[in-house]
Amino acid sequence: MSLTRDDVVKVARLARIGLDEAELAELAPQIAGILEHVGHIAELDLSAVPPTSHPLDIENRFGDDIPRPSWPRAALLALAPDPAPDGFRVPPIGA
């Protein structure tokens, strides 16, 4: 696939990335190389490869979820900078 300077400018503008002339000159061949590599991958016969959502097995590294009593309400309200009798006071939106 042929990649022009205008293509790089258009993609940068869509991504809201400001690029100067030196960066455009450097990025154009790099992006063209990436697109060429992706093109080679597209030529492979992957019909026997099952679809995957992740290349590696995902293991849960957390401990068991064991229910326990919640913290005392008074102890949590004592940690707030400006507690209210029934909860936390927060500034209004837009203030």
Protein backbone atom coordinates (compact mmCIF):
# COMPACT_ATOMS: atom_id res chain seq x y z
CA MET A 1 0.00 0.00 0.00
CA SER A 2 1.30 3.40 -0.96
CA LEU A 3 1.26 5.95 1.83
CA THR A 4 1.53 9.67 1.10
CA ARG A 5 2.41 12.61 3.30
CA ASP A 6 -1.22 13.75 3.01
CA ASP A 7 -2.39 10.38 4.39
CA VAL A 8 -0.20 10.84 7.46
CA VAL A 9 -1.43 14.43 7.90
CA LYS A 10 -5.05 13.27 7.66
CA VAL A 11 -4.59 10.48 10.24
CA ALA A 12 -2.71 12.82 12.58
CA ARG A 13 -5.49 15.38 12.29
CA LEU A 14 -8.14 12.71 13.03
CA ALA A 15 -6.15 11.63 16.08
CA ARG A 16 -5.66 15.29 17.05
CA ILE A 17 -1.88 14.92 16.98
CA GLY A 18 0.17 17.89 15.91
CA LEU A 19 3.17 16.92 13.78
CA ASP A 20 5.85 19.16 12.34
CA GLU A 21 7.53 18.54 8.97
CA ALA A 22 10.41 16.54 10.47
CA GLU A 23 8.00 14.23 12.31
CA LEU A 24 5.91 13.77 9.15
CA ALA A 25 9.01 12.84 7.17
CA GLU A 26 10.04 10.33 9.86
CA LEU A 27 6.61 8.80 10.45
CA ALA A 28 5.50 8.26 6.84
CA PRO A 29 8.00 5.45 6.10
CA GLN A 30 7.48 3.90 9.54
CA ILE A 31 3.70 3.74 9.08
CA ALA A 32 4.17 2.42 5.54
CA GLY A 33 6.36 -0.37 6.95
CA ILE A 34 3.72 -1.25 9.54
CA LEU A 35 1.02 -1.39 6.86
CA GLU A 36 3.24 -3.57 4.67
CA HIS A 37 3.79 -5.97 7.58
CA VAL A 38 0.05 -6.16 8.25
CA GLY A 39 -0.44 -6.87 4.56
CA HIS A 40 1.92 -9.88 4.83
CA ILE A 41 -0.05 -11.19 7.79
CA ALA A 42 -3.27 -10.87 5.80
CA GLU A 43 -1.78 -13.19 3.15
CA LEU A 44 -1.36 -16.08 5.63
CA ASP A 45 -3.80 -19.00 5.71
CA LEU A 46 -5.23 -18.74 9.21
CA SER A 47 -8.31 -20.87 8.64
CA ALA A 48 -7.10 -23.51 11.13
CA VAL A 49 -6.28 -20.93 13.82
CA PRO A 50 -9.15 -20.44 16.29
CA PRO A 51 -10.13 -16.89 17.13
CA THR A 52 -8.71 -15.61 20.41
CA SER A 53 -9.41 -12.61 22.57
CA HIS A 54 -6.00 -12.75 24.23
CA PRO A 55 -2.76 -14.44 23.11
CA LEU A 56 -1.92 -15.76 26.58
CA ASP A 57 -3.95 -17.63 29.16
CA ILE A 58 -5.39 -15.21 31.68
CA GLU A 59 -5.17 -16.24 35.30
CA ASN A 60 -6.91 -14.52 38.16
CA ARG A 61 -4.21 -13.33 40.56
CA PHE A 62 -6.65 -12.25 43.25
CA GLY A 63 -7.57 -14.20 46.34
CA ASP A 64 -10.96 -15.74 46.98
CA ASP A 65 -13.82 -13.32 47.42
CA ILE A 66 -14.77 -13.94 51.03
CA PRO A 67 -17.69 -11.93 52.46
CA ARG A 68 -16.96 -10.02 55.64
CA PRO A 69 -18.75 -7.40 57.71
CA SER A 70 -18.61 -3.83 56.45
CA TRP A 71 -16.72 -1.12 58.26
CA PRO A 72 -18.58 0.75 60.99
CA ARG A 73 -20.36 3.80 59.56
CA ALA A 74 -19.11 6.12 62.31
CA ALA A 75 -15.48 5.10 61.65
CA LEU A 76 -15.78 5.92 57.94
CA LEU A 77 -17.56 9.22 58.52
CA ALA A 78 -14.79 10.18 60.96
CA LEU A 79 -12.31 10.02 58.05
CA ALA A 80 -14.29 12.52 55.94
CA PRO A 81 -13.15 16.17 55.87
CA ASP A 82 -16.77 17.41 56.15
CA PRO A 83 -19.10 14.60 57.26
CA ALA A 84 -22.87 14.92 57.36
CA PRO A 85 -25.07 12.98 59.79
CA ASP A 86 -26.23 10.64 57.02
CA GLY A 87 -23.24 10.58 54.63
CA PHE A 88 -20.47 12.65 53.03
CA ARG A 89 -20.77 16.29 52.00
CA VAL A 90 -19.34 17.01 48.57
CA PRO A 91 -19.12 20.26 46.62
CA PRO A 92 -21.90 20.84 44.07
CA ILE A 93 -21.18 20.05 40.44
CA GLY A 94 -19.66 23.00 38.63
CA ALA A 95 -18.41 24.68 41.79
